[in-house]
């Protein structure tokens, strides 16, 4: 009778140990997902800011060409890319800092991040609004949409 009770106690102790391990693994997994989400939001914000700075201030054609996503490459063939950069270069250097606003959202709770960023730049002759839509499908952030809207000349 005594050995049967010891067997039941040992078995319930093993089940309790397995439950503790499963709960710990679940907690670590959730922590990793939330840490990934937070770091992805931060990286996305940095990329959105960098994209607007590279275009509005530095007029960098290499950055634009290398960071366009597949659909954006179709929407902006090399001639359209060059036209956009030329229009930005004609505007000159912005007067004062550019305030970039935007955020990163997720299509699912933790995956498929998308960002939307906009900024208004004051150039010497006119203002311009630059809007950039971004995503991070595999490997790195990319530009999915890009809009340049010019204010009337002053």
C-alpha atoms as a PDB file:
ATOM      1  CA  UNK A   1       0.000   0.000   0.000  1.00  0.00           C
ATOM      2  CA  UNK A   2       2.831   2.334   0.846  1.00  0.00           C
ATOM      3  CA  UNK A   3       4.619   1.859  -2.486  1.00  0.00           C
ATOM      4  CA  UNK A   4       1.414   2.671  -4.385  1.00  0.00           C
ATOM      5  CA  UNK A   5       1.106   6.017  -2.501  1.00  0.00           C
ATOM      6  CA  UNK A   6       4.771   6.833  -3.210  1.00  0.00           C
ATOM      7  CA  UNK A   7       4.183   6.122  -6.912  1.00  0.00           C
ATOM      8  CA  UNK A   8       1.154   8.480  -6.998  1.00  0.00           C
ATOM      9  CA  UNK A   9       3.076  11.240  -5.172  1.00  0.00           C
ATOM     10  CA  UNK A  10       6.087  10.878  -7.478  1.00  0.00           C
ATOM     11  CA  UNK A  11       3.878  10.928 -10.571  1.00  0.00           C
ATOM     12  CA  UNK A  12       1.983  14.057  -9.445  1.00  0.00           C
ATOM     13  CA  UNK A  13       5.309  15.733  -8.620  1.00  0.00           C
ATOM     14  CA  UNK A  14       6.561  15.003 -12.115  1.00  0.00           C
ATOM     15  CA  UNK A  15       3.406  16.444 -13.652  1.00  0.00           C
ATOM     16  CA  UNK A  16       3.793  19.561 -11.495  1.00  0.00           C
ATOM     17  CA  UNK A  17       7.414  19.945 -12.668  1.00  0.00           C
ATOM     18  CA  UNK A  18       6.411  19.599 -16.309  1.00  0.00           C
ATOM     19  CA  UNK A  19       3.678  22.235 -15.825  1.00  0.00           C
ATOM     20  CA  UNK A  20       6.170  24.665 -14.297  1.00  0.00           C
ATOM     21  CA  UNK A  21       8.538  24.156 -17.246  1.00  0.00           C
ATOM     22  CA  UNK A  22       5.708  24.671 -19.770  1.00  0.00           C
ATOM     23  CA  UNK A  23       4.576  27.873 -18.045  1.00  0.00           C
ATOM     24  CA  UNK A  24       8.160  29.157 -17.971  1.00  0.00           C
ATOM     25  CA  UNK A  25       8.617  28.403 -21.691  1.00  0.00           C
ATOM     26  CA  UNK A  26       5.337  30.131 -22.507  1.00  0.00           C
ATOM     27  CA  UNK A  27       6.416  33.193 -20.493  1.00  0.00           C
ATOM     28  CA  UNK A  28       9.794  33.353 -22.246  1.00  0.00           C
ATOM     29  CA  UNK A  29       8.098  32.973 -25.635  1.00  0.00           C
ATOM     30  CA  UNK A  30       5.680  35.824 -24.927  1.00  0.00           C
ATOM     31  CA  UNK A  31       8.501  38.019 -23.658  1.00  0.00           C
ATOM     32  CA  UNK A  32      10.464  37.339 -26.858  1.00  0.00           C
ATOM     33  CA  UNK A  33       7.444  38.209 -29.040  1.00  0.00           C
ATOM     34  CA  UNK A  34       6.872  41.515 -27.253  1.00  0.00           C
ATOM     35  CA  UNK A  35      10.606  42.339 -27.386  1.00  0.00           C
ATOM     36  CA  UNK A  36      10.590  41.583 -31.132  1.00  0.00           C
ATOM     37  CA  UNK A  37       7.555  43.807 -31.633  1.00  0.00           C
ATOM     38  CA  UNK A  38       9.147  46.663 -29.714  1.00  0.00           C
ATOM     39  CA  UNK A  39      12.460  46.448 -31.573  1.00  0.00           C
ATOM     40  CA  UNK A  40      10.645  46.196 -34.919  1.00  0.00           C
ATOM     41  CA  UNK A  41       8.641  49.337 -34.137  1.00  0.00           C
ATOM     42  CA  UNK A  42      11.844  51.167 -33.237  1.00  0.00           C
ATOM     43  CA  UNK A  43      13.665  49.990 -36.393  1.00  0.00           C
ATOM     44  CA  UNK A  44      10.655  50.913 -38.535  1.00  0.00           C
ATOM     45  CA  UNK A  45      10.545  54.414 -37.075  1.00  0.00           C
ATOM     46  CA  UNK A  46      14.262  54.853 -37.690  1.00  0.00           C
ATOM     47  CA  UNK A  47      13.900  53.652 -41.275  1.00  0.00           C
ATOM     48  CA  UNK A  48      10.956  55.971 -41.957  1.00  0.00           C
ATOM     49  CA  UNK A  49      12.926  58.923 -40.618  1.00  0.00           C
ATOM     50  CA  UNK A  50      16.024  57.900 -42.586  1.00  0.00           C
ATOM     51  CA  UNK A  51      14.010  57.507 -45.808  1.00  0.00           C
ATOM     52  CA  UNK A  52      12.551  60.996 -45.563  1.00  0.00           C
ATOM     53  CA  UNK A  53      15.930  62.526 -44.635  1.00  0.00           C
ATOM     54  CA  UNK A  54      17.707  60.732 -47.523  1.00  0.00           C
ATOM     55  CA  UNK A  55      15.098  61.940 -49.994  1.00  0.00           C
ATOM     56  CA  UNK A  56      14.127  65.407 -48.750  1.00  0.00           C
ATOM     57  CA  UNK A  57      17.531  66.601 -47.554  1.00  0.00           C
ATOM     58  CA  UNK A  58      20.202  64.523 -49.277  1.00  0.00           C
ATOM     59  CA  UNK A  59      18.305  63.763 -52.531  1.00  0.00           C
ATOM     60  CA  UNK A  60      19.956  60.317 -52.620  1.00  0.00           C
ATOM     61  CA  UNK A  61      19.026  58.381 -55.797  1.00  0.00           C
ATOM     62  CA  UNK A  62      20.987  55.269 -54.735  1.00  0.00           C
ATOM     63  CA  UNK A  63      19.010  55.004 -51.495  1.00  0.00           C
ATOM     64  CA  UNK A  64      15.722  55.320 -53.372  1.00  0.00           C
ATOM     65  CA  UNK A  65      16.674  52.717 -55.982  1.00  0.00           C
ATOM     66  CA  UNK A  66      17.973  50.216 -53.428  1.00  0.00           C
ATOM     67  CA  UNK A  67      15.059  50.486 -50.993  1.00  0.00           C
ATOM     68  CA  UNK A  68      12.030  50.330 -53.284  1.00  0.00           C
ATOM     69  CA  UNK A  69       9.886  47.235 -52.841  1.00  0.00           C
ATOM     70  CA  UNK A  70       8.776  45.131 -55.823  1.00  0.00           C
ATOM     71  CA  UNK A  71       5.500  46.985 -56.454  1.00  0.00           C
ATOM     72  CA  UNK A  72       7.140  50.360 -55.899  1.00  0.00           C
ATOM     73  CA  UNK A  73       9.773  49.470 -58.521  1.00  0.00           C
ATOM     74  CA  UNK A  74       6.935  48.984 -60.985  1.00  0.00           C
ATOM     75  CA  UNK A  75       5.311  52.253 -59.903  1.00  0.00           C
ATOM     76  CA  UNK A  76       8.654  54.100 -59.995  1.00  0.00           C
ATOM     77  CA  UNK A  77      10.769  52.873 -62.905  1.00  0.00           C
ATOM     78  CA  UNK A  78      14.254  54.407 -63.139  1.00  0.00           C
ATOM     79  CA  UNK A  79      12.985  57.377 -65.176  1.00  0.00           C
ATOM     80  CA  UNK A  80      10.355  58.210 -62.532  1.00  0.00           C
ATOM     81  CA  UNK A  81      12.957  57.824 -59.786  1.00  0.00           C
ATOM     82  CA  UNK A  82      15.264  60.251 -61.558  1.00  0.00           C
ATOM     83  CA  UNK A  83      12.381  62.667 -62.113  1.00  0.00           C
ATOM     84  CA  UNK A  84      11.509  62.606 -58.408  1.00  0.00           C
ATOM     85  CA  UNK A  85      15.124  63.179 -57.351  1.00  0.00           C
ATOM     86  CA  UNK A  86      15.445  66.019 -59.895  1.00  0.00           C
ATOM     87  CA  UNK A  87      12.327  67.705 -58.532  1.00  0.00           C
ATOM     88  CA  UNK A  88      13.710  67.424 -54.997  1.00  0.00           C
ATOM     89  CA  UNK A  89      17.101  68.784 -56.086  1.00  0.00           C
ATOM     90  CA  UNK A  90      15.403  71.759 -57.762  1.00  0.00           C
ATOM     91  CA  UNK A  91      13.735  72.567 -54.441  1.00  0.00           C
ATOM     92  CA  UNK A  92      17.134  72.825 -52.786  1.00  0.00           C
ATOM     93  CA  UNK A  93      17.955  72.213 -49.139  1.00  0.00           C
ATOM     94  CA  UNK A  94      15.127  72.500 -46.625  1.00  0.00           C
ATOM     95  CA  UNK A  95      15.114  75.533 -44.357  1.00  0.00           C
ATOM     96  CA  UNK A  96      15.102  74.271 -40.789  1.00  0.00           C
ATOM     97  CA  UNK A  97      14.695  70.737 -39.476  1.00  0.00           C
ATOM     98  CA  UNK A  98      12.164  68.305 -40.900  1.00  0.00           C
ATOM     99  CA  UNK A  99       9.684  66.937 -38.395  1.00  0.00           C
ATOM    100  CA  UNK A 100       8.843  63.362 -39.376  1.00  0.00           C
ATOM    101  CA  UNK A 101       5.593  61.944 -38.038  1.00  0.00           C
ATOM    102  CA  UNK A 102       4.439  58.388 -38.363  1.00  0.00           C
ATOM    103  CA  UNK A 103       4.096  55.009 -36.812  1.00  0.00           C
ATOM    104  CA  UNK A 104       4.506  51.299 -37.393  1.00  0.00           C
ATOM    105  CA  UNK A 105       1.525  48.963 -37.179  1.00  0.00           C
ATOM    106  CA  UNK A 106       1.289  45.201 -37.520  1.00  0.00           C
ATOM    107  CA  UNK A 107      -1.057  43.287 -39.819  1.00  0.00           C
ATOM    108  CA  UNK A 108      -1.137  40.515 -37.226  1.00  0.00           C
ATOM    109  CA  UNK A 109      -0.340  41.041 -33.566  1.00  0.00           C
ATOM    110  CA  UNK A 110       3.435  40.604 -33.933  1.00  0.00           C
ATOM    111  CA  UNK A 111       4.177  40.093 -37.624  1.00  0.00           C
ATOM    112  CA  UNK A 112       3.934  41.873 -40.990  1.00  0.00           C
ATOM    113  CA  UNK A 113       4.933  45.380 -39.854  1.00  0.00           C
ATOM    114  CA  UNK A 114       3.935  48.361 -41.974  1.00  0.00           C
ATOM    115  CA  UNK A 115       4.825  51.977 -41.438  1.00  0.00           C
ATOM    116  CA  UNK A 116       3.453  55.253 -42.693  1.00  0.00           C
ATOM    117  CA  UNK A 117       5.524  58.414 -42.300  1.00  0.00           C
ATOM    118  CA  UNK A 118       4.951  61.960 -43.428  1.00  0.00           C
ATOM    119  CA  UNK A 119       6.872  65.184 -43.162  1.00  0.00           C
ATOM    120  CA  UNK A 120       6.481  68.745 -44.296  1.00  0.00           C
ATOM    121  CA  UNK A 121       9.696  70.318 -45.537  1.00  0.00           C
ATOM    122  CA  UNK A 122      10.088  74.058 -45.988  1.00  0.00           C
ATOM    123  CA  UNK A 123      12.256  74.747 -49.009  1.00  0.00           C
ATOM    124  CA  UNK A 124      13.380  78.275 -49.993  1.00  0.00           C
ATOM    125  CA  UNK A 125      10.736  78.682 -52.718  1.00  0.00           C
ATOM    126  CA  UNK A 126       7.907  76.455 -51.456  1.00  0.00           C
ATOM    127  CA  UNK A 127       6.928  73.777 -49.019  1.00  0.00           C
ATOM    128  CA  UNK A 128       6.536  70.103 -49.800  1.00  0.00           C
ATOM    129  CA  UNK A 129       4.857  67.136 -48.124  1.00  0.00           C
ATOM    130  CA  UNK A 130       6.599  63.799 -48.398  1.00  0.00           C
ATOM    131  CA  UNK A 131       4.732  60.620 -47.482  1.00  0.00           C
ATOM    132  CA  UNK A 132       6.371  57.209 -47.327  1.00  0.00           C
ATOM    133  CA  UNK A 133       4.729  53.825 -46.797  1.00  0.00           C
ATOM    134  CA  UNK A 134       7.091  51.100 -45.623  1.00  0.00           C
ATOM    135  CA  UNK A 135       7.074  47.396 -44.835  1.00  0.00           C
ATOM    136  CA  UNK A 136       9.472  44.711 -43.662  1.00  0.00           C
ATOM    137  CA  UNK A 137       8.593  41.511 -45.548  1.00  0.00           C
ATOM    138  CA  UNK A 138      11.934  39.657 -45.352  1.00  0.00           C
ATOM    139  CA  UNK A 139      15.355  40.831 -44.326  1.00  0.00           C
ATOM    140  CA  UNK A 140      15.072  44.616 -44.358  1.00  0.00           C
ATOM    141  CA  UNK A 141      12.744  47.569 -44.525  1.00  0.00           C
ATOM    142  CA  UNK A 142      11.560  48.726 -47.925  1.00  0.00           C
ATOM    143  CA  UNK A 143       9.600  51.617 -49.405  1.00  0.00           C
ATOM    144  CA  UNK A 144       6.202  50.526 -50.723  1.00  0.00           C
ATOM    145  CA  UNK A 145       4.626  53.887 -51.513  1.00  0.00           C
ATOM    146  CA  UNK A 146       6.043  57.356 -51.979  1.00  0.00           C
ATOM    147  CA  UNK A 147       4.238  60.636 -52.556  1.00  0.00           C
ATOM    148  CA  UNK A 148       5.614  64.134 -53.021  1.00  0.00           C
ATOM    149  CA  UNK A 149       3.086  66.974 -52.878  1.00  0.00           C
ATOM    150  CA  UNK A 150       4.344  70.489 -53.569  1.00  0.00           C
ATOM    151  CA  UNK A 151       2.792  73.581 -51.984  1.00  0.00           C
ATOM    152  CA  UNK A 152       2.133  76.610 -54.206  1.00  0.00           C
ATOM    153  CA  UNK A 153       5.192  78.782 -54.802  1.00  0.00           C
ATOM    154  CA  UNK A 154       5.625  81.677 -52.436  1.00  0.00           C
END
